[in-house]
Protein backbone atom coordinates (compact mmCIF):
# COMPACT_ATOMS: atom_id res chain seq x y z
CA MET A 1 56.15 58.80 138.39
CA ARG A 2 54.53 56.22 140.64
CA LYS A 3 52.24 57.36 143.36
CA LYS A 4 53.36 56.36 146.82
CA SER A 5 50.97 54.19 148.75
CA SER A 6 49.02 56.03 151.41
CA THR A 7 49.69 53.22 153.89
CA PRO A 8 53.26 51.91 154.04
CA ASN A 9 53.81 48.15 153.93
CA ARG A 10 50.19 47.51 152.99
CA SER A 11 51.11 44.67 150.63
CA PHE A 12 52.99 42.91 153.46
CA ARG A 13 49.98 43.23 155.74
CA VAL A 14 47.61 41.97 153.05
CA ALA A 15 49.94 39.02 152.33
CA ASP A 16 50.12 38.23 156.05
CA GLN A 17 46.33 38.31 156.38
CA ILE A 18 45.95 36.10 153.31
CA GLN A 19 48.41 33.62 154.84
CA ARG A 20 46.47 33.46 158.13
CA ASP A 21 43.08 33.15 156.44
CA LEU A 22 44.25 30.53 153.92
CA THR A 23 45.75 28.42 156.70
CA GLU A 24 42.38 28.39 158.44
CA LEU A 25 40.38 27.81 155.23
CA ILE A 26 42.55 24.89 154.12
CA ALA A 27 42.45 23.25 157.54
CA ARG A 28 38.73 23.70 158.25
CA GLU A 29 36.80 23.99 155.00
CA LEU A 30 38.79 22.20 152.29
CA LYS A 31 37.68 18.56 152.21
CA ASP A 32 39.88 17.28 149.37
CA PRO A 33 41.56 13.98 150.44
CA ARG A 34 44.62 14.81 148.30
CA VAL A 35 45.39 17.75 150.57
CA GLY A 36 47.18 16.45 153.63
CA MET A 37 48.63 18.42 156.48
CA VAL A 38 49.52 21.65 154.67
CA THR A 39 51.51 24.53 156.14
CA VAL A 40 51.39 27.85 154.33
CA GLN A 41 55.00 29.08 154.44
CA SER A 42 54.69 32.47 152.75
CA VAL A 43 52.55 34.59 150.46
CA GLU A 44 53.78 37.05 147.83
CA VAL A 45 51.27 39.54 146.45
CA THR A 46 51.81 41.55 143.26
CA PRO A 47 51.71 45.36 143.64
CA ASP A 48 48.29 45.57 141.98
CA TYR A 49 46.88 42.76 144.19
CA ALA A 50 45.85 40.79 141.11
CA HIS A 51 47.87 37.64 141.84
CA ALA A 52 49.28 35.92 144.90
CA LYS A 53 51.90 33.18 145.01
CA ILE A 54 51.34 30.89 147.96
CA TYR A 55 54.27 28.73 149.03
CA PHE A 56 53.35 25.69 151.12
CA SER A 57 54.90 22.58 152.60
CA VAL A 58 53.32 19.20 153.27
CA LEU A 59 53.88 16.99 156.29
CA VAL A 60 51.92 14.00 154.99
CA GLY A 61 51.18 13.14 151.37
CA ASP A 62 52.52 13.70 147.88
CA PRO A 63 53.58 17.34 147.29
CA LYS A 64 52.79 17.34 143.55
CA GLU A 65 49.35 15.84 144.07
CA CYS A 66 48.68 18.32 146.86
CA GLU A 67 49.81 21.23 144.66
CA THR A 68 47.43 20.09 141.92
CA ALA A 69 44.55 19.80 144.39
CA LEU A 70 45.22 23.24 145.88
CA ASN A 71 45.41 24.87 142.45
CA GLN A 72 42.12 23.21 141.52
CA ALA A 73 40.55 24.49 144.75
CA ALA A 74 41.97 28.01 144.24
CA GLY A 75 38.59 29.41 143.20
CA PHE A 76 36.88 28.00 146.29
CA LEU A 77 39.64 29.36 148.52
CA ARG A 78 39.54 32.75 146.77
CA ASN A 79 35.80 32.93 147.41
CA GLY A 80 36.44 32.20 151.09
CA LEU A 81 39.07 34.94 151.19
CA PHE A 82 36.65 37.35 149.52
CA LYS A 83 34.26 36.89 152.44
CA ARG A 84 37.03 37.46 155.02
CA LEU A 85 39.25 40.18 153.54
CA MET A 86 38.24 43.81 153.60
CA THR A 87 39.91 44.69 150.31
CA HIS A 88 38.52 45.83 146.99
CA THR A 89 40.18 43.03 145.04
CA VAL A 90 41.09 39.53 146.11
CA PRO A 91 44.07 38.14 144.21
CA THR A 92 44.03 35.06 142.02
CA LEU A 93 45.78 32.31 143.96
CA HIS A 94 48.73 30.32 142.59
CA PHE A 95 50.06 27.53 144.83
CA HIS A 96 53.70 26.41 144.71
CA PHE A 97 55.39 23.68 146.75
CA ASP A 98 58.15 25.13 148.95
CA GLN A 99 61.21 22.87 148.96
CA THR A 100 63.14 24.88 151.55
CA THR A 101 62.62 22.37 154.36
CA GLU A 102 63.72 19.45 152.19
CA ARG A 103 66.82 21.33 151.06
CA ALA A 104 67.63 22.24 154.65
CA ALA A 105 67.37 18.59 155.71
CA ASP A 106 69.64 17.53 152.82
CA LEU A 107 72.21 20.18 153.76
CA ASN A 108 72.09 19.13 157.43
CA ALA A 109 72.73 15.52 156.39
CA LEU A 110 75.68 16.59 154.22
CA ILE A 111 77.15 18.67 157.03
CA ALA A 112 76.74 15.84 159.54
CA LYS A 113 78.41 13.43 157.10
CA ALA A 114 81.33 15.83 156.57
CA VAL A 115 81.76 16.35 160.30
CA SER A 116 81.70 12.62 161.04
CA SER A 117 84.22 11.85 158.27
CA ARG A 118 86.49 14.62 159.52
CA ALA A 119 86.29 13.26 163.08
CA GLN A 120 87.24 9.78 161.82
CA ASP A 121 90.25 11.21 159.93
CA GLU A 122 91.64 12.84 163.07
């Protein structure tokens, strides 16, 4: 039987702190020109805190190139997190491009097109 955590929702708090710290580290300390204006959308941490999936979006630049650059800088960013977080282990970082905003824009365009064609039919 699994032992219950002594502090409820600890993984959510750790993920939230990682998100805040990574946002600051990427903006202020990461000097890679391939990384444009990055927004960290969400962080998912495994129960053993060994790995973290970081979902991000990009305002300017190529998302694939930015994802490659962030994954290459994961060690540097993990070291920065190690200095900021007060946890025993700092997870290995895995960056993934979040396509939610692009999908939402596509769906909005489809809805607007359907509404305009319906208005023309009436």
